[in-house]
Amino acid sequence: MSELFEIIMIVSFGASWPINVYKSYRARTTKGKSLGFLCLIVFGYIAGIISKLINETYMASFSAKWYVLFFYVLNLIMVSLDLCLYVRNYRLDKTNNK
C-alpha cells in the first residue's frame, strides 16, 4: 500500500514539473524562482534514486517495479531542465539590466 502512495506522490510531482519548465521557458526571467529550492529538489530526487538502488527488496523485484525508479529519473530530468532554464534566465536578467 505504501508503494501506491509513493507512486501517487511521484506522479503528482511529475505532472507539475513540465508546466513549471514551460513557464520558466516562457518567462525568460528568474523572478519568482528560487535557485536554492531547485537545488534542494534535485538533491532530493538524487537521494530518492540512490535509496531505490541500494534497497535490496526493491532491487529484487525491480522487473515488476521499474516504473517507480523511472518516474524518479523523469522528475529529476524535468527539475534539472528547469535548473538549466534558471541559469539561462539569470543570464538574460543580467543582460537586460545592463
N, C-alpha and C. Protein backbone atom coordinates (compact mmCIF):
# COMPACT_ATOMS: atom_id res chain seq x y z
N MET A 1 0.82 -1.19 0.00
CA MET A 1 0.00 0.00 0.00
C MET A 1 0.87 1.26 0.00
N SER A 2 2.01 1.22 0.73
CA SER A 2 2.87 2.40 0.77
C SER A 2 3.44 2.72 -0.60
N GLU A 3 3.66 1.67 -1.41
CA GLU A 3 4.17 1.89 -2.77
C GLU A 3 3.16 2.64 -3.62
N LEU A 4 1.89 2.35 -3.42
CA LEU A 4 0.84 3.04 -4.16
C LEU A 4 0.87 4.54 -3.87
N PHE A 5 1.01 4.89 -2.59
CA PHE A 5 1.06 6.30 -2.23
C PHE A 5 2.35 6.96 -2.73
N GLU A 6 3.43 6.21 -2.75
CA GLU A 6 4.68 6.74 -3.31
C GLU A 6 4.51 7.03 -4.79
N ILE A 7 3.85 6.15 -5.49
CA ILE A 7 3.60 6.35 -6.92
C ILE A 7 2.70 7.56 -7.14
N ILE A 8 1.66 7.69 -6.33
CA ILE A 8 0.77 8.85 -6.44
C ILE A 8 1.55 10.13 -6.21
N MET A 9 2.41 10.15 -5.21
CA MET A 9 3.23 11.33 -4.91
C MET A 9 4.15 11.66 -6.08
N ILE A 10 4.86 10.69 -6.58
CA ILE A 10 5.86 10.95 -7.61
C ILE A 10 5.19 11.33 -8.94
N VAL A 11 4.03 10.75 -9.25
CA VAL A 11 3.30 11.12 -10.46
C VAL A 11 2.71 12.52 -10.32
N SER A 12 2.23 12.86 -9.14
CA SER A 12 1.70 14.21 -8.92
C SER A 12 2.79 15.26 -9.12
N PHE A 13 3.95 15.01 -8.52
CA PHE A 13 5.07 15.94 -8.73
C PHE A 13 5.45 15.96 -10.20
N GLY A 14 5.49 14.79 -10.81
CA GLY A 14 5.86 14.68 -12.22
C GLY A 14 4.93 15.43 -13.14
N ALA A 15 3.68 15.50 -12.79
CA ALA A 15 2.71 16.23 -13.63
C ALA A 15 2.91 17.73 -13.54
N SER A 16 3.42 18.20 -12.42
CA SER A 16 3.59 19.64 -12.26
C SER A 16 4.89 20.17 -12.86
N TRP A 17 5.93 19.36 -12.95
CA TRP A 17 7.21 19.85 -13.45
C TRP A 17 7.20 20.30 -14.90
N PRO A 18 6.57 19.59 -15.83
CA PRO A 18 6.55 20.10 -17.21
C PRO A 18 5.88 21.47 -17.31
N ILE A 19 4.87 21.70 -16.53
CA ILE A 19 4.20 23.00 -16.52
C ILE A 19 5.17 24.07 -16.01
N ASN A 20 5.89 23.75 -14.95
CA ASN A 20 6.86 24.67 -14.38
C ASN A 20 7.99 24.97 -15.38
N VAL A 21 8.46 23.96 -16.08
CA VAL A 21 9.51 24.14 -17.08
C VAL A 21 9.01 25.05 -18.20
N TYR A 22 7.80 24.82 -18.65
CA TYR A 22 7.23 25.64 -19.71
C TYR A 22 7.12 27.10 -19.28
N LYS A 23 6.66 27.32 -18.04
CA LYS A 23 6.55 28.69 -17.53
C LYS A 23 7.91 29.36 -17.43
N SER A 24 8.92 28.60 -16.99
CA SER A 24 10.28 29.15 -16.91
C SER A 24 10.80 29.52 -18.30
N TYR A 25 10.52 28.67 -19.26
CA TYR A 25 10.96 28.93 -20.63
C TYR A 25 10.32 30.19 -21.18
N ARG A 26 9.03 30.33 -20.95
CA ARG A 26 8.29 31.49 -21.48
C ARG A 26 8.60 32.78 -20.73
N ALA A 27 8.83 32.69 -19.43
CA ALA A 27 9.02 33.89 -18.61
C ALA A 27 10.33 34.61 -18.93
N ARG A 28 11.37 33.86 -19.24
CA ARG A 28 12.68 34.44 -19.56
C ARG A 28 13.22 35.33 -18.44
N THR A 29 12.86 35.00 -17.21
CA THR A 29 13.35 35.73 -16.04
C THR A 29 13.39 34.77 -14.85
N THR A 30 14.22 35.13 -13.87
CA THR A 30 14.29 34.32 -12.66
C THR A 30 13.37 34.84 -11.56
N LYS A 31 12.67 35.90 -11.85
CA LYS A 31 11.76 36.46 -10.84
C LYS A 31 10.73 35.41 -10.43
N GLY A 32 10.60 35.24 -9.13
CA GLY A 32 9.66 34.26 -8.61
C GLY A 32 10.23 32.86 -8.52
N LYS A 33 11.49 32.68 -8.88
CA LYS A 33 12.14 31.37 -8.81
C LYS A 33 13.17 31.39 -7.70
N SER A 34 13.48 30.23 -7.17
CA SER A 34 14.49 30.11 -6.12
C SER A 34 15.51 29.06 -6.53
N LEU A 35 16.76 29.49 -6.70
CA LEU A 35 17.83 28.57 -7.04
C LEU A 35 18.01 27.53 -5.93
N GLY A 36 17.96 27.98 -4.69
CA GLY A 36 18.10 27.05 -3.56
C GLY A 36 17.03 25.97 -3.56
N PHE A 37 15.81 26.37 -3.86
CA PHE A 37 14.70 25.41 -3.90
C PHE A 37 14.93 24.37 -4.99
N LEU A 38 15.31 24.82 -6.19
CA LEU A 38 15.55 23.89 -7.29
C LEU A 38 16.69 22.92 -6.95
N CYS A 39 17.76 23.45 -6.37
CA CYS A 39 18.89 22.59 -6.00
C CYS A 39 18.48 21.57 -4.94
N LEU A 40 17.66 21.99 -3.99
CA LEU A 40 17.18 21.08 -2.96
C LEU A 40 16.31 19.97 -3.54
N ILE A 41 15.48 20.31 -4.50
CA ILE A 41 14.63 19.31 -5.15
C ILE A 41 15.49 18.33 -5.95
N VAL A 42 16.49 18.83 -6.68
CA VAL A 42 17.40 17.95 -7.42
C VAL A 42 18.09 17.00 -6.45
N PHE A 43 18.60 17.54 -5.35
CA PHE A 43 19.25 16.72 -4.33
C PHE A 43 18.29 15.65 -3.80
N GLY A 44 17.05 16.03 -3.55
CA GLY A 44 16.05 15.08 -3.05
C GLY A 44 15.76 13.96 -4.02
N TYR A 45 15.64 14.28 -5.30
CA TYR A 45 15.41 13.22 -6.29
C TYR A 45 16.62 12.30 -6.42
N ILE A 46 17.83 12.87 -6.37
CA ILE A 46 19.03 12.03 -6.42
C ILE A 46 19.06 11.09 -5.21
N ALA A 47 18.72 11.62 -4.04
CA ALA A 47 18.66 10.79 -2.84
C ALA A 47 17.60 9.69 -2.97
N GLY A 48 16.46 10.04 -3.56
CA GLY A 48 15.41 9.04 -3.77
C GLY A 48 15.85 7.94 -4.73
N ILE A 49 16.56 8.32 -5.78
CA ILE A 49 17.06 7.33 -6.74
C ILE A 49 18.09 6.42 -6.08
N ILE A 50 19.02 7.02 -5.33
CA ILE A 50 20.02 6.21 -4.62
C ILE A 50 19.34 5.28 -3.63
N SER A 51 18.32 5.78 -2.94
CA SER A 51 17.57 4.96 -1.99
C SER A 51 16.99 3.72 -2.67
N LYS A 52 16.43 3.91 -3.84
CA LYS A 52 15.87 2.77 -4.57
C LYS A 52 16.96 1.80 -4.99
N LEU A 53 18.08 2.34 -5.48
CA LEU A 53 19.15 1.49 -6.00
C LEU A 53 19.84 0.67 -4.91
N ILE A 54 19.87 1.17 -3.69
CA ILE A 54 20.54 0.41 -2.61
C ILE A 54 19.56 -0.39 -1.77
N ASN A 55 18.27 -0.31 -2.08
CA ASN A 55 17.26 -1.07 -1.36
C ASN A 55 17.18 -2.48 -1.96
N GLU A 56 17.67 -3.45 -1.22
CA GLU A 56 17.72 -4.83 -1.73
C GLU A 56 16.34 -5.38 -2.06
N THR A 57 15.35 -5.04 -1.26
CA THR A 57 14.00 -5.53 -1.51
C THR A 57 13.46 -4.98 -2.81
N TYR A 58 13.66 -3.67 -3.03
CA TYR A 58 13.21 -3.05 -4.28
C TYR A 58 13.94 -3.64 -5.47
N MET A 59 15.26 -3.75 -5.37
CA MET A 59 16.05 -4.25 -6.49
C MET A 59 15.73 -5.71 -6.80
N ALA A 60 15.34 -6.49 -5.78
CA ALA A 60 14.98 -7.89 -6.01
C ALA A 60 13.71 -8.00 -6.84
N SER A 61 12.84 -6.99 -6.75
CA SER A 61 11.60 -7.00 -7.52
C SER A 61 11.60 -5.92 -8.60
N PHE A 62 12.79 -5.50 -9.02
CA PHE A 62 12.92 -4.40 -9.96
C PHE A 62 12.16 -4.63 -11.26
N SER A 63 12.18 -5.84 -11.77
CA SER A 63 11.50 -6.11 -13.04
C SER A 63 10.00 -5.86 -12.96
N ALA A 64 9.43 -5.96 -11.77
CA ALA A 64 8.00 -5.71 -11.58
C ALA A 64 7.71 -4.27 -11.15
N LYS A 65 8.75 -3.57 -10.65
CA LYS A 65 8.53 -2.23 -10.10
C LYS A 65 9.47 -1.19 -10.72
N TRP A 66 9.94 -1.40 -11.92
CA TRP A 66 10.87 -0.49 -12.59
C TRP A 66 10.28 0.91 -12.77
N TYR A 67 8.97 0.99 -12.91
CA TYR A 67 8.30 2.25 -13.20
C TYR A 67 8.47 3.28 -12.08
N VAL A 68 8.65 2.84 -10.85
CA VAL A 68 8.84 3.79 -9.75
C VAL A 68 10.16 4.55 -9.96
N LEU A 69 11.22 3.83 -10.24
CA LEU A 69 12.51 4.45 -10.50
C LEU A 69 12.45 5.31 -11.76
N PHE A 70 11.72 4.85 -12.75
CA PHE A 70 11.55 5.61 -13.99
C PHE A 70 11.00 7.00 -13.71
N PHE A 71 9.98 7.09 -12.86
CA PHE A 71 9.38 8.38 -12.55
C PHE A 71 10.31 9.27 -11.71
N TYR A 72 11.10 8.66 -10.85
CA TYR A 72 12.10 9.45 -10.12
C TYR A 72 13.09 10.07 -11.11
N VAL A 73 13.57 9.28 -12.05
CA VAL A 73 14.53 9.78 -13.04
C VAL A 73 13.89 10.82 -13.94
N LEU A 74 12.67 10.57 -14.38
CA LEU A 74 11.96 11.53 -15.22
C LEU A 74 11.79 12.87 -14.50
N ASN A 75 11.40 12.82 -13.24
CA ASN A 75 11.25 14.05 -12.46
C ASN A 75 12.59 14.76 -12.28
N LEU A 76 13.64 14.00 -12.05
CA LEU A 76 14.98 14.58 -11.93
C LEU A 76 15.37 15.30 -13.21
N ILE A 77 15.06 14.71 -14.35
CA ILE A 77 15.34 15.34 -15.64
C ILE A 77 14.56 16.64 -15.78
N MET A 78 13.29 16.62 -15.41
CA MET A 78 12.46 17.83 -15.51
C MET A 78 12.98 18.95 -14.61
N VAL A 79 13.33 18.62 -13.38
CA VAL A 79 13.83 19.64 -12.46
C VAL A 79 15.19 20.15 -12.94
N SER A 80 16.01 19.25 -13.45
CA SER A 80 17.32 19.66 -13.98
C SER A 80 17.15 20.59 -15.18
N LEU A 81 16.17 20.31 -16.00
CA LEU A 81 15.88 21.19 -17.13
C LEU A 81 15.43 22.56 -16.63
N ASP A 82 14.62 22.57 -15.60
CA ASP A 82 14.19 23.85 -15.01
C ASP A 82 15.39 24.58 -14.41
N LEU A 83 16.32 23.85 -13.84
CA LEU A 83 17.54 24.45 -13.30
C LEU A 83 18.38 25.07 -14.42
N CYS A 84 18.48 24.39 -15.55
CA CYS A 84 19.19 24.94 -16.72
C CYS A 84 18.50 26.21 -17.22
N LEU A 85 17.18 26.19 -17.23
CA LEU A 85 16.44 27.38 -17.64
C LEU A 85 16.65 28.52 -16.64
N TYR A 86 16.80 28.19 -15.37
CA TYR A 86 17.09 29.21 -14.38
C TYR A 86 18.41 29.91 -14.73
N VAL A 87 19.42 29.12 -15.08
CA VAL A 87 20.72 29.70 -15.46
C VAL A 87 20.57 30.57 -16.69
N ARG A 88 19.85 30.08 -17.69
CA ARG A 88 19.61 30.89 -18.89
C ARG A 88 18.89 32.18 -18.54
N ASN A 89 17.85 32.08 -17.75
CA ASN A 89 17.07 33.25 -17.40
C ASN A 89 17.87 34.23 -16.53
N TYR A 90 18.74 33.69 -15.69
CA TYR A 90 19.60 34.55 -14.88
C TYR A 90 20.51 35.39 -15.79
N ARG A 91 21.07 34.74 -16.79
CA ARG A 91 21.91 35.47 -17.75
C ARG A 91 21.10 36.49 -18.54
N LEU A 92 19.89 36.14 -18.90
CA LEU A 92 19.03 37.10 -19.60
C LEU A 92 18.69 38.28 -18.69
N ASP A 93 18.44 38.01 -17.41
CA ASP A 93 18.17 39.10 -16.46
C ASP A 93 19.37 40.04 -16.37
N LYS A 94 20.56 39.47 -16.30
CA LYS A 94 21.77 40.30 -16.21
C LYS A 94 21.96 41.13 -17.47
N THR A 95 21.70 40.53 -18.63
CA THR A 95 21.84 41.25 -19.91
C THR A 95 20.81 42.37 -20.01
N ASN A 96 19.60 42.11 -19.60
CA ASN A 96 18.53 43.09 -19.70
C ASN A 96 18.66 44.22 -18.69
N ASN A 97 19.39 44.00 -17.61
CA ASN A 97 19.54 45.03 -16.59
C ASN A 97 20.80 45.87 -16.76
N LYS A 98 21.51 45.69 -17.84
CA LYS A 98 22.72 46.49 -18.08
C LYS A 98 22.39 47.85 -18.61
